[in-house]
Amino acid sequence: MNIRTFSPTIRRKEMDAVLTCMVEEKLGPGELNARLIQQVKENFGFNGAFAVRSPAIALKYALRALDFEAGSAVIISALAPAWQYTVLTELGYTCVIADVSEENGLITPETAEEAVKAGGRVLLLHEGLGQIPDFAALVELGIPVIEDISQNAGAVVGDKCTGTFGTFAILGLEENDILTAGGGAVLASAQSRNWSPLRKIAEQAPSTDLLPDINAALAYVQLKEAVRNEQIRKEIYEVYIRSLMQGRHKTFSCQIEHAVPAVYSFPVILAGSFKDVKQYAAKKEIAVAAAYENSVISVFPDICTHCTHSNSLALRCALFPLYPRLGSSKAQKIAKVLATLP
């Protein structure tokens, strides 16, 4: 049987939590939603947070808390998930698409500054594939920053977690995020002055926007196990990186001092054809995915013609399976393939 690129971290503890919700017939937003919020605050150092049914809803509330007028421009990465562009345009905003660094796949201070000059007034910062941006320089731009930490939750710079540098943070809980509830998101802020307007909006949110307990149960247990799961990911990562160094391909490198990225899947920046690598891995029963197949540049290429680095990464970056439930034997099998990629 093929080794899947992604597999949600659902163990006995997660299933027990979900079954308890079902037995107690408490499926809607309630106690477990509140417990999840408290755990998120403790894990990441947020002042306040609330859990909703989707990242799209979280983004809508974040922009409302900023009192950001429709018609204004939001800066997003060409490699951000395409849903961000779709949601923003549906809400009546315009988007300024920014290119990325080939070293980490993230918006740079330079491309962000260009986007500000082009009219961008809020930065929606997608921190993809576990990587860490240059927060210090980006915050100096003087515009609100909404961090999307769905793929790098748990990464740190010094003694601060990602998500605490911007005005607000969106922690996605979708199927392929680091933490998953089968869907949903947490919207949070580290500063009390920023949480204050968001709290008022959260208190007025209809129950149909809030994350149900049956989903919160999954995310809550995973969050309690986050340190253990991240350690497993790092151990597998070390095995992979040693194998990858034997070939001609590379992965992303962190350019920020005193930073520890999160381990999200295993991105490989290919020196050759993605198609050839995918076929080679498939022969070994390993599923490989294009890292940015659902990104803005992949879904809406016509609006990203100036983003040369993003286009290059979208064509050449592959994801290999790396998740806590993988197991050592499968990890070793993948490592051997990484060492011999065409």
Foldseek 3Di string as FASTA:
>chain_A
DFDELDDAPDDPQLVVLLVVCVVVVQWFDDDLQVLLFVLVCVLAQFPGKGWWFALLLLVVLLCVLVVPDAAAEEEDEQLAFQVVCVSNVVVRYHYDYFAPDLQQRWGALVRVLVSVVVGHQEYEGERPQQADYPLVSNVVSPHFYEYECQAWFPKDAAPHTPQASGLKYKHWQDDQGQHHLVGIIMITYNDPVSVVSSVVVVVVDDSNTHHISSSSSRRSVCSVCVVVFQVLLVVLVVLQQVLLVLDDKHFHDHPHPRIDTTHRFGKIQDPDFPVQQQVLVVVLSWHKDQRRCRGNCNVPVVSCVVHVSNVSSSGGIIGTHGGSVCDDVNSVSVSNSSNVGD
